[in-house]
Protein backbone atom coordinates (compact mmCIF):
# COMPACT_ATOMS: atom_id res chain seq x y z
CA MET A 1 0.00 0.00 0.00
CA SER A 2 1.39 3.35 -1.00
CA LEU A 3 1.53 6.38 1.23
CA LYS A 4 -0.93 8.13 -1.07
CA SER A 5 -3.56 5.37 -0.78
CA LEU A 6 -3.07 5.25 3.00
CA PHE A 7 -3.62 9.01 3.19
CA GLN A 8 -6.79 8.68 1.07
CA ILE A 9 -8.13 5.99 3.38
CA ILE A 10 -7.45 8.05 6.50
CA THR A 11 -8.93 11.26 5.10
CA GLY A 12 -11.90 9.34 3.69
CA GLN A 13 -12.63 7.84 7.10
CA ALA A 14 -12.33 11.24 8.73
CA LYS A 15 -14.82 12.62 6.21
CA LEU A 16 -17.25 9.80 6.98
CA LYS A 17 -16.89 10.42 10.70
CA ARG A 18 -17.54 14.16 10.30
CA LEU A 19 -20.59 13.40 8.17
CA ALA A 20 -21.89 10.97 10.81
CA GLU A 21 -21.39 13.50 13.60
CA ASN A 22 -23.24 16.15 11.60
CA LEU A 23 -26.10 13.73 10.96
CA ALA A 24 -26.24 12.79 14.63
CA HIS A 25 -26.40 16.44 15.59
CA ALA A 26 -29.23 17.03 13.09
CA CYS A 27 -31.22 14.08 14.47
CA SER A 28 -30.50 14.51 18.17
CA SER A 29 -33.45 16.73 19.12
CA VAL A 30 -35.97 14.48 17.36
CA VAL A 31 -34.51 11.38 18.97
CA TRP A 32 -34.35 13.04 22.39
CA GLN A 33 -38.06 13.86 22.19
CA LYS A 34 -38.76 10.18 21.53
CA VAL A 35 -36.69 8.83 24.43
CA GLU A 36 -36.65 11.44 27.20
CA SER A 37 -39.83 10.27 28.93
CA ARG A 38 -38.62 6.70 29.51
CA ILE A 39 -34.84 6.81 29.61
CA ASP A 40 -34.71 7.67 33.31
CA THR A 41 -36.19 4.29 34.27
CA MET A 42 -33.48 2.27 32.51
CA THR A 43 -30.03 1.00 33.21
CA HIS A 44 -27.19 2.32 31.08
CA SER A 45 -27.25 -0.73 28.80
CA GLN A 46 -31.02 -0.64 28.42
CA ALA A 47 -30.90 3.07 27.61
CA ARG A 48 -28.28 2.51 24.91
CA GLY A 49 -30.44 -0.10 23.20
CA TYR A 50 -33.62 1.94 23.61
CA VAL A 51 -32.06 5.04 22.07
CA ARG A 52 -30.64 2.97 19.21
CA VAL A 53 -34.05 1.46 18.43
CA LYS A 54 -35.94 4.74 18.68
CA ALA A 55 -33.36 6.56 16.57
CA GLY A 56 -33.31 3.98 13.79
CA ARG A 57 -36.10 5.24 11.57
CA THR A 58 -35.26 8.92 12.01
CA VAL A 59 -31.59 8.36 11.24
CA ARG A 60 -32.30 6.19 8.20
CA LEU A 61 -34.64 8.78 6.69
CA ILE A 62 -32.21 11.65 7.12
CA LEU A 63 -29.25 9.47 6.19
CA SER A 64 -30.64 8.32 2.84
CA ASP A 65 -31.24 11.89 1.71
CA THR A 66 -27.86 13.09 2.96
CA LEU A 67 -25.95 10.23 1.36
CA ARG A 68 -27.52 11.01 -2.02
CA ARG A 69 -26.66 14.70 -1.72
CA ASN A 70 -23.07 14.01 -0.63
CA LEU A 71 -22.53 11.27 -3.23
CA ILE A 72 -21.34 8.73 -0.67
CA PRO A 73 -20.71 5.41 -2.41
CA PRO A 74 -22.84 2.43 -1.32
CA ARG A 75 -19.83 0.62 0.17
CA HIS A 76 -19.48 3.38 2.79
CA GLN A 77 -23.15 3.81 3.66
CA THR A 78 -23.23 1.09 6.31
CA LYS A 79 -20.19 2.61 8.02
CA VAL A 80 -21.82 6.06 8.08
CA LEU A 81 -24.99 4.52 9.55
CA GLU A 82 -23.01 2.77 12.30
CA LEU A 83 -21.04 5.90 13.14
CA THR A 84 -24.20 8.02 13.18
CA MET A 85 -26.06 5.61 15.46
CA ASP A 86 -23.12 5.46 17.85
CA ALA A 87 -22.94 9.26 17.96
CA ILE A 88 -26.71 9.58 18.54
CA VAL A 89 -26.59 7.13 21.44
CA GLU A 90 -23.66 8.93 23.04
CA GLN A 91 -25.32 12.33 22.64
CA ALA A 92 -28.57 11.12 24.19
CA LEU A 93 -26.80 9.52 27.14
CA LEU A 94 -24.69 12.62 27.73
CA LYS A 95 -27.80 14.78 27.64
CA TYR A 96 -29.55 12.46 30.09
CA ARG A 97 -26.57 12.45 32.45
CA GLY A 98 -26.54 16.24 32.28
CA GLN A 99 -30.13 16.32 33.54
CA GLN A 100 -29.58 13.96 36.45
CA PRO A 101 -29.12 15.56 39.85
CA GLN A 102 -25.52 15.35 40.99
CA THR A 103 -24.89 13.35 44.13
CA LEU A 104 -22.42 14.57 46.69
CA GLY A 105 -19.80 12.26 48.11
CA LEU A 106 -19.11 8.68 47.25
CA GLN A 107 -21.70 5.98 46.98
CA ARG A 108 -21.02 2.91 49.03
CA ALA A 109 -21.27 -0.60 47.74
CA ALA A 110 -23.96 -2.78 49.27
């Protein structure tokens, strides 16, 4: 593999990641409205799965339009979807954690 092709791979992946983060940002308010009422009753793992499921349709709709406009080849579309879903989940969990009341001191194990 030449240095040029390695550079193209790295910059291409960075472009896909930026695109995914932009898509996640565009979808985050819609997804948050779908999950905010129930996320507080779930464990961290449950919340991750719940956000992923609720975000699926919204992300796919916005993603298909964006991929066409940005001329992303079909071989990269799955990667962009994965990166976008991961970013959406992280954004929702960060937003939820930001709304939780902060506890003072250390919690003790049972």
